[in-house]
Amino acid sequence: MFENLSGRLSQVVNNLRGQGRITEDNIKDTLREVRMALLEADVALPVVREFVDRVREKALGEDVTKSLKPGQVLVKIVHDELVEVMGEANEGLDLAAQPPAVILMAGLQGSGKTTSAAKLARFLIEREKKKVMVVSCDVYRPAAIEQLKTLAAEVGAEYFPSSPDQKPLDIARAALEQAKKSYVDVLIVDTAGRLHIDDEMMGEIKQLHAGLQPVETLFVVDAMTGQDAANTAKAFNEALPLTGVILTKIDGDARGGAALSIRHITGKPIKFLGVGEKTDALEPFHPDRLASRILGMGDVLSLVEEVTRNVDQEKAAKLAKKIHKGKGFSLQDFKEQLEQMNSLGGMGALMDKLPGMGQIPDAAKAQVGDREMGKLVAIINSMTPQEREFPAVIKGSRKRRIAAGSGTQVQDVNKLLKQFTQMQKMMKKMKGGGMAKMMRGLKGKMGPGGGMPPGGMPPGGFPF
């Protein structure tokens, strides 16, 4: 996500940090780079102009030119302006209404509306502890009705049936009545999409809006359409009183122009990001955290939230206790660690949130990618319980059997065993009070003259 923009802006930021003084000349060069980075990211031209003008105005102010570390001050200005453009703070859903609170989903065909309705239902059920009902008013696509029915069962939401021979408004009213009888907290209404904006579709959705009086009208738009996403959102906003935007397919959008343009063009906040295909791949949109990620500073807050939510705390505590007592770290433990990482969205999602990752070459990232992790799990799955507990018994014939069983090569098995041995050594250092000692040692290495390269990756690479 935002790889291109992040790469360009991180480079600009690094150049700035090396400047002893900020002058009109080096500001001019820097802003030219920033402008090019934003245009290449497909950010709308009016947004780019205003962004660059505001950064220039603040950068040539007294605070920056007289600062002892002007480069760092300027980085903060760029960060703050990115936050400003995207909407300053996270704006959650306003569900303070007499239940059921109605959420109307609008958008073009193929934007991910139906999937987003299910993702939102799961989000409200799991994180907000709401009772949720979903209904499809897309009478033109029977497949969309069936899709929502399947997804509702997957996420644990109640489903109100509908069929193509009914009128959308009749379906919506009947669903609202049923939601009241069932004491549902939130009713999510999926509407029909079109391949482009037309009067018929707008008329239908206006009718639904008037009949349901939703507390939230969310526009679902595909991030990969770039500035077009912002223009489509503007057209919808002129026809409907939108309350917010869900930006989908963010994981496939290397540019990020939509995220930086929508708020400025529509005046409406982005409330959620669709970050993958699974029903749990929906993140609340935090402009400040995203700005940090764009500038290569990582997003540790989101990472901590994800770990707290998705990591099996019981298993983690058990492993910590085992290591503290000095009991061995086995291949089974290693496998469980890899699976825990997978539950956090895989290595790619984790690396995206770690500071300094923009400076690490793609080839290095690929070595610790999700495919590699899948390969490691497959190799361990091919081992017997005895081999997992006592890897020293794994010699020639056993290696060949494990490689054949996991669809890998003997050298892959050797590589895993080598990585595991390194990790085992690291775990031994954590025995007793070793963890504190290890952290003190790392702190020394992370200093200006230490052995840590940019991004904080240890010289030996990742342990997995």
Protein backbone atom coordinates (compact mmCIF):
# COMPACT_ATOMS: atom_id res chain seq x y z
CA MET A 1 0.00 0.00 0.00
CA PHE A 2 1.32 3.46 -1.02
CA GLU A 3 4.70 1.89 -1.96
CA ASN A 4 5.49 4.42 -4.70
CA LEU A 5 4.51 7.51 -2.72
CA SER A 6 6.14 6.19 0.44
CA GLY A 7 9.41 5.46 -1.43
CA ARG A 8 9.55 8.93 -3.01
CA LEU A 9 8.60 10.85 0.15
CA SER A 10 10.95 8.78 2.36
CA GLN A 11 13.78 9.79 -0.01
CA VAL A 12 12.75 13.46 0.22
CA VAL A 13 12.63 13.17 4.01
CA ASN A 14 16.12 11.62 4.16
CA ASN A 15 17.55 14.40 1.97
CA LEU A 16 15.99 17.00 4.24
CA ARG A 17 17.41 15.47 7.39
CA GLY A 18 20.90 16.06 6.04
CA GLN A 19 20.35 19.81 5.53
CA GLY A 20 22.02 22.10 8.04
CA ARG A 21 19.84 25.06 7.10
CA ILE A 22 16.55 25.51 5.29
CA THR A 23 16.75 28.06 2.49
CA GLU A 24 14.37 29.10 -0.30
CA ASP A 25 16.53 27.13 -2.74
CA ASN A 26 16.52 23.77 -0.99
CA ILE A 27 12.83 24.20 -0.10
CA LYS A 28 12.14 24.74 -3.80
CA ASP A 29 13.93 21.48 -4.73
CA THR A 30 12.22 19.56 -1.93
CA LEU A 31 8.75 20.78 -2.85
CA ARG A 32 9.35 19.94 -6.51
CA GLU A 33 10.06 16.35 -5.39
CA VAL A 34 6.98 16.31 -3.12
CA ARG A 35 4.82 17.65 -5.97
CA MET A 36 6.10 14.96 -8.39
CA ALA A 37 5.59 12.23 -5.77
CA LEU A 38 1.96 13.29 -5.22
CA LEU A 39 1.19 13.60 -8.94
CA GLU A 40 2.70 10.17 -9.63
CA ALA A 41 0.51 8.79 -6.83
CA ASP A 42 -2.51 10.03 -8.85
CA VAL A 43 -3.51 12.64 -6.28
CA ALA A 44 -5.96 15.20 -7.73
CA LEU A 45 -4.23 18.36 -9.01
CA PRO A 46 -6.14 20.86 -6.78
CA VAL A 47 -5.13 18.79 -3.74
CA VAL A 48 -1.46 18.75 -4.83
CA ARG A 49 -1.43 22.53 -5.40
CA GLU A 50 -2.96 23.35 -2.04
CA PHE A 51 -0.75 20.81 -0.21
CA VAL A 52 2.49 22.17 -1.71
CA ASP A 53 1.47 25.81 -1.09
CA ARG A 54 0.70 25.12 2.58
CA VAL A 55 3.96 23.23 3.15
CA ARG A 56 5.93 26.06 1.47
CA GLU A 57 4.22 28.73 3.58
CA LYS A 58 4.94 26.87 6.85
CA ALA A 59 8.45 25.80 5.81
CA LEU A 60 9.59 29.35 5.17
CA GLY A 61 8.22 30.45 8.54
CA GLU A 62 10.49 31.56 11.35
CA ASP A 63 10.17 28.30 13.35
CA VAL A 64 11.82 26.29 10.59
CA THR A 65 14.52 28.66 9.36
CA LYS A 66 15.75 29.36 12.92
CA SER A 67 15.43 25.77 14.13
CA LEU A 68 18.54 23.81 15.12
CA LYS A 69 17.15 20.77 13.24
CA PRO A 70 15.24 22.31 10.32
CA GLY A 71 15.07 19.02 8.40
CA GLN A 72 13.17 17.32 11.20
CA VAL A 73 10.83 20.28 11.61
CA LEU A 74 10.07 20.17 7.90
CA VAL A 75 9.36 16.42 8.05
CA LYS A 76 6.81 17.17 10.78
CA ILE A 77 5.20 19.84 8.58
CA VAL A 78 4.84 17.36 5.67
CA HIS A 79 3.42 14.76 8.09
CA ASP A 80 0.92 17.21 9.60
CA GLU A 81 -0.23 18.40 6.17
CA LEU A 82 -0.79 14.80 5.03
CA VAL A 83 -2.93 14.30 8.15
CA GLU A 84 -4.83 17.54 7.43
CA VAL A 85 -5.55 16.50 3.82
CA MET A 86 -6.88 13.09 4.91
CA GLY A 87 -9.08 14.35 7.70
CA GLU A 88 -7.09 14.89 10.93
CA ALA A 89 -8.64 12.17 13.13
CA ASN A 90 -10.48 8.87 12.84
CA GLU A 91 -14.23 9.47 12.48
CA GLY A 92 -16.13 6.43 13.67
CA LEU A 93 -19.71 5.47 12.87
CA ASP A 94 -22.41 7.53 14.56
CA LEU A 95 -24.80 4.86 15.81
CA ALA A 96 -26.40 7.00 18.52
CA ALA A 97 -29.96 6.44 17.36
CA GLN A 98 -33.07 4.51 18.39
CA PRO A 99 -32.23 0.90 17.37
CA PRO A 100 -32.07 -0.36 14.74
CA ALA A 101 -29.55 2.20 13.43
CA VAL A 102 -29.64 1.93 9.62
CA ILE A 103 -26.45 2.00 7.52
CA LEU A 104 -26.99 2.45 3.78
CA MET A 105 -24.20 1.22 1.48
CA ALA A 106 -23.87 3.05 -1.87
CA GLY A 107 -21.39 2.77 -4.73
CA LEU A 108 -20.65 1.63 -8.26
CA GLN A 109 -20.72 -1.99 -9.39
CA GLY A 110 -17.49 -3.85 -8.64
CA SER A 111 -16.39 -1.46 -5.88
CA GLY A 112 -16.71 -4.18 -3.23
CA LYS A 113 -20.02 -2.99 -1.73
CA THR A 114 -21.46 -6.41 -0.78
CA THR A 115 -18.16 -7.65 0.72
CA SER A 116 -17.80 -4.35 2.61
CA ALA A 117 -21.32 -4.76 4.05
CA ALA A 118 -20.28 -8.17 5.45
CA LYS A 119 -16.91 -6.82 6.69
CA LEU A 120 -18.68 -3.95 8.45
CA ALA A 121 -21.17 -6.40 10.02
CA ARG A 122 -18.26 -8.48 11.37
CA PHE A 123 -16.50 -5.34 12.66
CA LEU A 124 -19.64 -4.24 14.56
CA ILE A 125 -20.32 -7.73 15.94
CA GLU A 126 -16.76 -8.44 17.10
CA ARG A 127 -15.50 -5.02 18.19
CA GLU A 128 -18.65 -3.10 19.08
CA LYS A 129 -20.64 -6.13 20.37
CA LYS A 130 -23.69 -5.17 18.28
CA LYS A 131 -26.48 -7.40 17.01
CA VAL A 132 -26.42 -6.87 13.24
CA MET A 133 -28.82 -7.71 10.39
CA VAL A 134 -27.94 -7.42 6.68
CA VAL A 135 -30.25 -7.17 3.68
CA SER A 136 -29.63 -6.89 -0.08
CA CYS A 137 -31.76 -4.52 -2.18
CA ASP A 138 -29.77 -5.36 -5.32
CA VAL A 139 -32.67 -6.94 -7.23
CA TYR A 140 -30.75 -6.73 -10.54
CA ARG A 141 -28.06 -9.20 -9.50
CA PRO A 142 -29.40 -12.38 -7.88
CA ALA A 143 -25.75 -13.42 -7.33
CA ALA A 144 -25.25 -10.39 -5.04
CA ILE A 145 -28.23 -11.49 -2.90
CA GLU A 146 -26.79 -15.03 -2.61
CA GLN A 147 -23.30 -13.65 -1.88
CA LEU A 148 -24.60 -11.55 1.02
CA LYS A 149 -26.52 -14.55 2.40
CA THR A 150 -23.32 -16.67 2.40
CA LEU A 151 -21.20 -13.88 3.92
CA ALA A 152 -23.81 -13.16 6.63
CA ALA A 153 -23.57 -16.78 7.79
CA GLU A 154 -19.76 -16.52 7.80
CA VAL A 155 -19.63 -13.37 9.95
CA GLY A 156 -22.50 -14.29 12.29
CA ALA A 157 -24.96 -11.59 11.17
CA GLU A 158 -28.73 -12.09 10.81
CA TYR A 159 -29.84 -12.19 7.18
CA PHE A 160 -33.13 -10.83 5.83
CA PRO A 161 -34.07 -12.67 2.61
CA SER A 162 -34.93 -10.82 -0.60
CA SER A 163 -35.60 -11.83 -4.22
CA PRO A 164 -35.24 -10.22 -7.69
CA ASP A 165 -39.03 -9.93 -8.17
CA GLN A 166 -39.39 -7.49 -5.24
CA LYS A 167 -39.05 -3.71 -5.22
CA PRO A 168 -35.97 -2.38 -3.38
CA LEU A 169 -37.98 -0.04 -1.13
CA ASP A 170 -40.41 -2.84 -0.16
CA ILE A 171 -37.46 -5.09 0.76
CA ALA A 172 -35.85 -2.35 2.85
CA ARG A 173 -39.06 -1.49 4.75
CA ALA A 174 -39.80 -5.16 5.49
CA ALA A 175 -36.21 -5.65 6.72
CA LEU A 176 -36.52 -2.61 8.99
CA GLU A 177 -39.75 -3.99 10.51
CA GLN A 178 -38.13 -7.38 11.11
CA ALA A 179 -35.03 -5.72 12.61
CA LYS A 180 -37.27 -3.88 15.13
CA LYS A 181 -39.06 -7.13 16.09
CA SER A 182 -35.73 -8.97 16.49
CA TYR A 183 -34.20 -6.20 18.65
CA VAL A 184 -31.37 -5.72 16.17
CA ASP A 185 -28.89 -2.88 16.95
CA VAL A 186 -27.75 -2.18 13.37
CA LEU A 187 -29.35 -2.89 9.98
CA ILE A 188 -26.93 -2.76 7.03
CA VAL A 189 -28.62 -2.24 3.66
CA ASP A 190 -26.69 -3.23 0.51
CA THR A 191 -27.94 -1.37 -2.60
CA ALA A 192 -27.64 -1.94 -6.34
CA GLY A 193 -24.56 -0.68 -8.15
CA ARG A 194 -24.15 0.32 -11.79
CA LEU A 195 -21.11 0.40 -14.04
CA HIS A 196 -21.42 4.20 -14.12
CA ILE A 197 -23.52 6.90 -12.48
CA ASP A 198 -27.00 7.16 -14.01
CA ASP A 199 -30.26 8.93 -13.10
CA GLU A 200 -32.21 5.71 -12.59
CA MET A 201 -29.77 4.40 -10.00
CA MET A 202 -29.56 7.75 -8.21
CA GLY A 203 -33.37 8.01 -8.13
CA GLU A 204 -33.65 4.53 -6.59
CA ILE A 205 -31.06 5.14 -3.91
CA LYS A 206 -32.60 8.55 -3.05
CA GLN A 207 -35.93 6.76 -2.58
CA LEU A 208 -34.30 4.20 -0.27
CA HIS A 209 -32.63 6.98 1.68
CA ALA A 210 -35.89 8.87 2.15
CA GLY A 211 -37.74 5.69 3.18
CA LEU A 212 -35.13 4.45 5.67
CA GLN A 213 -33.68 7.68 7.10
CA PRO A 214 -30.27 6.02 7.70
CA VAL A 215 -27.90 7.33 10.40
CA GLU A 216 -24.96 6.53 8.11
CA THR A 217 -24.81 6.60 4.29
CA LEU A 218 -21.45 5.15 3.31
CA PHE A 219 -20.01 5.43 -0.17
CA VAL A 220 -17.92 2.39 -1.10
CA VAL A 221 -15.21 3.10 -3.66
CA ASP A 222 -12.29 1.20 -5.19
CA ALA A 223 -8.94 2.84 -4.24
CA MET A 224 -7.36 1.53 -7.44
CA THR A 225 -9.40 3.96 -9.54
CA GLY A 226 -7.24 6.81 -8.16
CA GLN A 227 -8.59 10.34 -8.62
CA ASP A 228 -11.66 8.90 -10.37
CA ALA A 229 -12.61 7.52 -6.95
CA ALA A 230 -12.70 11.07 -5.58
CA ASN A 231 -14.71 12.38 -8.56
CA THR A 232 -17.29 9.55 -8.29
CA ALA A 233 -17.59 10.19 -4.55
CA LYS A 234 -18.24 13.87 -5.33
CA ALA A 235 -21.04 12.97 -7.78
CA PHE A 236 -22.69 10.70 -5.20
CA ASN A 237 -22.29 13.30 -2.49
CA GLU A 238 -24.16 15.84 -4.62
CA ALA A 239 -27.09 13.41 -4.98
CA LEU A 240 -27.05 11.89 -1.48
CA PRO A 241 -26.18 13.21 1.97
CA LEU A 242 -23.14 10.94 2.42
CA THR A 243 -21.73 10.61 5.95
CA GLY A 244 -18.49 8.86 5.01
CA VAL A 245 -16.45 6.70 2.65
CA ILE A 246 -15.15 3.12 2.72
CA LEU A 247 -12.05 2.87 0.54
CA THR A 248 -11.65 -0.72 -0.71
CA LYS A 249 -8.80 -2.70 -2.34
CA ILE A 250 -6.20 -0.56 -0.58
CA ASP A 251 -3.86 -3.58 -0.49
CA GLY A 252 -3.70 -3.52 -4.31
CA ASP A 253 -3.22 0.26 -4.58
CA ALA A 254 0.49 1.09 -4.70
CA ARG A 255 -0.22 4.77 -5.42
CA GLY A 256 -2.64 6.02 -2.76
CA GLY A 257 -4.08 8.96 -4.72
CA ALA A 258 -7.68 8.21 -3.69
CA ALA A 259 -6.93 8.29 0.05
CA LEU A 260 -5.27 11.70 -0.34
CA SER A 261 -7.94 13.20 -2.61
CA ILE A 262 -11.36 12.08 -1.32
CA ARG A 263 -11.61 14.21 1.83
CA HIS A 264 -10.51 17.38 0.04
CA ILE A 265 -12.86 16.91 -2.94
CA THR A 266 -15.99 15.65 -1.13
CA GLY A 267 -15.55 17.10 2.35
CA LYS A 268 -16.55 13.65 3.66
CA PRO A 269 -14.33 11.54 5.91
CA ILE A 270 -12.88 8.16 4.97
CA LYS A 271 -14.17 5.96 7.82
CA PHE A 272 -12.77 2.55 6.86
CA LEU A 273 -10.14 0.94 4.63
CA GLY A 274 -10.67 -2.45 2.97
CA VAL A 275 -7.22 -4.04 3.25
CA GLY A 276 -7.82 -7.54 1.83
CA GLU A 277 -10.38 -10.03 0.63
CA LYS A 278 -11.16 -11.77 3.94
CA THR A 279 -14.12 -10.61 6.04
CA ASP A 280 -11.81 -9.41 8.83
CA ALA A 281 -9.82 -7.19 6.44
CA LEU A 282 -11.44 -3.88 7.41
CA GLU A 283 -9.50 -1.23 9.34
CA PRO A 284 -10.81 2.03 10.84
CA PHE A 285 -9.12 4.88 8.97
CA HIS A 286 -6.63 6.85 11.08
CA PRO A 287 -5.13 9.72 8.99
CA ASP A 288 -2.26 10.31 11.46
CA ARG A 289 -1.20 6.65 11.40
CA LEU A 290 -1.44 6.46 7.62
CA ALA A 291 0.65 9.63 7.23
CA SER A 292 3.35 7.98 9.37
CA ARG A 293 3.26 4.88 7.16
CA ILE A 294 3.50 6.98 3.99
CA LEU A 295 6.61 8.72 5.36
CA GLY A 296 8.19 5.36 6.27
CA MET A 297 7.72 5.92 10.02
CA GLY A 298 5.56 2.83 10.47
CA ASP A 299 2.31 2.49 12.38
CA VAL A 300 3.14 0.90 15.70
CA LEU A 301 -0.20 1.81 17.31
CA SER A 302 -2.21 -0.21 14.78
CA LEU A 303 0.30 -3.05 15.11
CA VAL A 304 -0.15 -3.14 18.91
CA GLU A 305 -3.96 -3.09 18.52
CA GLU A 306 -3.82 -5.96 16.03
CA VAL A 307 -1.52 -8.04 18.22
CA THR A 308 -3.77 -7.50 21.25
CA ARG A 309 -6.86 -8.48 19.26
CA ASN A 310 -5.57 -11.41 17.20
CA VAL A 311 -2.75 -13.09 19.10
CA ASP A 312 -3.74 -16.01 21.33
CA GLN A 313 -2.68 -14.50 24.66
CA GLU A 314 -2.88 -17.87 26.45
CA LYS A 315 -0.45 -19.54 24.00
CA ALA A 316 1.88 -16.53 24.14
CA ALA A 317 1.93 -16.58 27.97
CA LYS A 318 2.54 -20.35 27.96
CA LEU A 319 5.54 -19.97 25.61
CA ALA A 320 6.96 -17.06 27.65
CA LYS A 321 6.70 -19.17 30.83
CA LYS A 322 8.36 -22.14 29.10
CA ILE A 323 11.28 -19.99 27.86
CA HIS A 324 11.65 -18.24 31.24
CA LYS A 325 12.01 -21.63 32.97
CA GLY A 326 14.71 -22.58 30.50
CA LYS A 327 12.75 -25.31 28.74
CA GLY A 328 13.63 -25.76 25.06
CA PHE A 329 12.01 -23.87 22.20
CA SER A 330 10.75 -26.60 19.83
CA LEU A 331 9.82 -26.67 16.16
CA GLN A 332 6.18 -26.97 17.28
CA ASP A 333 6.58 -23.65 19.13
CA PHE A 334 8.21 -22.17 16.03
CA LYS A 335 5.24 -23.31 13.89
CA GLU A 336 2.77 -21.76 16.35
CA GLN A 337 4.68 -18.45 16.15
CA LEU A 338 4.42 -18.50 12.36
CA GLU A 339 0.68 -19.22 12.56
CA GLN A 340 0.18 -16.39 15.06
CA MET A 341 1.94 -14.08 12.60
CA ASN A 342 -0.37 -15.28 9.86
CA SER A 343 -3.39 -14.35 12.00
CA LEU A 344 -2.05 -10.77 12.01
CA GLY A 345 -2.46 -10.59 8.22
CA GLY A 346 0.87 -12.17 7.27
CA MET A 347 4.39 -10.83 7.18
CA GLY A 348 3.58 -8.24 4.48
CA ALA A 349 0.94 -6.56 6.66
CA LEU A 350 3.29 -6.55 9.65
CA MET A 351 6.24 -5.12 7.73
CA ASP A 352 4.04 -2.38 6.32
CA LYS A 353 3.50 -1.12 9.89
CA LEU A 354 7.10 -1.33 11.09
CA PRO A 355 9.20 1.88 11.05
CA GLY A 356 11.91 2.12 8.38
CA MET A 357 10.57 -0.71 6.22
CA GLY A 358 10.41 1.56 3.18
CA GLN A 359 14.24 1.58 3.14
CA ILE A 360 14.55 -2.20 2.96
CA PRO A 361 14.92 -3.56 -0.60
CA ASP A 362 12.04 -5.56 -2.07
CA ALA A 363 14.34 -8.58 -2.48
CA ALA A 364 14.98 -8.63 1.28
CA LYS A 365 11.25 -8.30 2.00
CA ALA A 366 10.48 -11.19 -0.35
CA GLN A 367 12.75 -13.45 1.72
CA VAL A 368 10.40 -13.07 4.69
CA GLY A 369 7.18 -12.91 2.67
CA ASP A 370 3.97 -14.86 3.30
CA ARG A 371 4.89 -17.49 0.69
CA GLU A 372 8.14 -18.24 2.56
CA MET A 373 6.24 -18.50 5.83
CA GLY A 374 3.73 -20.90 4.23
CA LYS A 375 6.64 -23.03 3.04
CA LEU A 376 8.11 -23.19 6.58
CA VAL A 377 4.77 -24.27 8.07
CA ALA A 378 4.38 -26.98 5.37
CA ILE A 379 7.87 -28.36 6.17
CA ILE A 380 7.13 -28.53 9.92
CA ASN A 381 3.74 -30.16 9.19
CA SER A 382 5.61 -32.94 7.35
CA MET A 383 7.61 -33.84 10.46
CA THR A 384 6.68 -36.38 13.12
CA PRO A 385 5.99 -35.19 16.72
CA GLN A 386 9.39 -36.64 17.72
CA GLU A 387 11.20 -34.67 14.96
CA ARG A 388 9.49 -31.44 16.01
CA GLU A 389 10.60 -31.94 19.62
CA PHE A 390 14.11 -33.25 18.86
CA PRO A 391 15.24 -31.75 15.50
CA ALA A 392 18.75 -33.20 16.00
CA VAL A 393 17.41 -36.59 14.77
CA ILE A 394 16.62 -35.10 11.34
CA LYS A 395 19.37 -36.47 9.09
CA GLY A 396 19.66 -37.42 5.37
CA SER A 397 16.75 -39.85 4.80
CA ARG A 398 14.42 -37.97 7.14
CA LYS A 399 15.21 -34.69 5.33
CA ARG A 400 14.37 -36.31 1.98
CA ARG A 401 11.06 -37.63 3.37
CA ILE A 402 10.12 -34.25 4.89
CA ALA A 403 10.99 -32.41 1.64
CA ALA A 404 8.88 -34.85 -0.43
CA GLY A 405 5.96 -34.58 2.01
CA SER A 406 5.95 -30.78 1.96
CA GLY A 407 6.57 -30.35 -1.76
CA THR A 408 9.90 -28.62 -1.13
CA GLN A 409 13.61 -29.32 -1.65
CA VAL A 410 16.11 -30.79 0.86
CA GLN A 411 17.93 -27.40 0.86
CA ASP A 412 14.67 -25.76 2.05
CA VAL A 413 14.57 -28.19 4.99
CA ASN A 414 18.24 -27.39 5.74
CA LYS A 415 17.48 -23.67 5.59
CA LEU A 416 14.57 -24.03 8.03
CA LEU A 417 16.68 -26.05 10.48
CA LYS A 418 19.43 -23.40 10.33
CA GLN A 419 16.93 -20.57 10.95
CA PHE A 420 15.37 -22.55 13.78
CA THR A 421 18.77 -23.11 15.43
CA GLN A 422 19.40 -19.32 15.31
CA MET A 423 16.02 -18.66 16.87
CA GLN A 424 16.64 -21.32 19.55
CA LYS A 425 19.90 -19.55 20.51
CA MET A 426 18.03 -16.26 20.73
CA MET A 427 15.37 -17.84 22.95
CA LYS A 428 18.06 -19.27 25.28
CA LYS A 429 19.32 -15.72 25.86
CA MET A 430 15.84 -14.80 27.07
CA LYS A 431 15.98 -17.42 29.86
CA GLY A 432 15.66 -15.86 33.32
CA GLY A 433 16.52 -12.18 33.06
CA GLY A 434 18.21 -12.60 29.69
CA MET A 435 15.51 -10.69 27.82
CA ALA A 436 16.36 -7.45 29.65
CA LYS A 437 20.08 -7.97 28.92
CA MET A 438 19.33 -8.65 25.26
CA MET A 439 17.24 -5.48 24.95
CA ARG A 440 20.03 -3.41 26.56
CA GLY A 441 22.46 -4.88 24.04
CA LEU A 442 20.13 -4.06 21.16
CA LYS A 443 19.67 -0.52 22.43
CA GLY A 444 23.43 -0.01 22.16
CA LYS A 445 23.43 -1.34 18.61
CA MET A 446 20.59 0.94 17.60
CA GLY A 447 22.54 4.10 18.40
CA PRO A 448 24.10 6.32 15.70
CA GLY A 449 27.32 4.29 15.54
CA GLY A 450 25.67 0.91 16.18
CA GLY A 451 25.40 -2.10 13.93
CA MET A 452 21.71 -1.72 13.08
CA PRO A 453 21.00 -0.69 9.50
CA PRO A 454 18.16 1.76 8.66
CA GLY A 455 14.81 0.28 9.61
CA GLY A 456 16.16 -1.50 12.68
CA MET A 457 16.65 -4.91 11.04
CA PRO A 458 19.33 -6.97 12.79
CA PRO A 459 22.44 -7.81 10.70
CA GLY A 460 21.44 -11.49 10.54
CA GLY A 461 18.04 -10.58 9.09
CA PHE A 462 14.73 -11.72 10.56
CA PRO A 463 14.74 -14.91 12.64
CA PHE A 464 12.27 -16.51 10.29
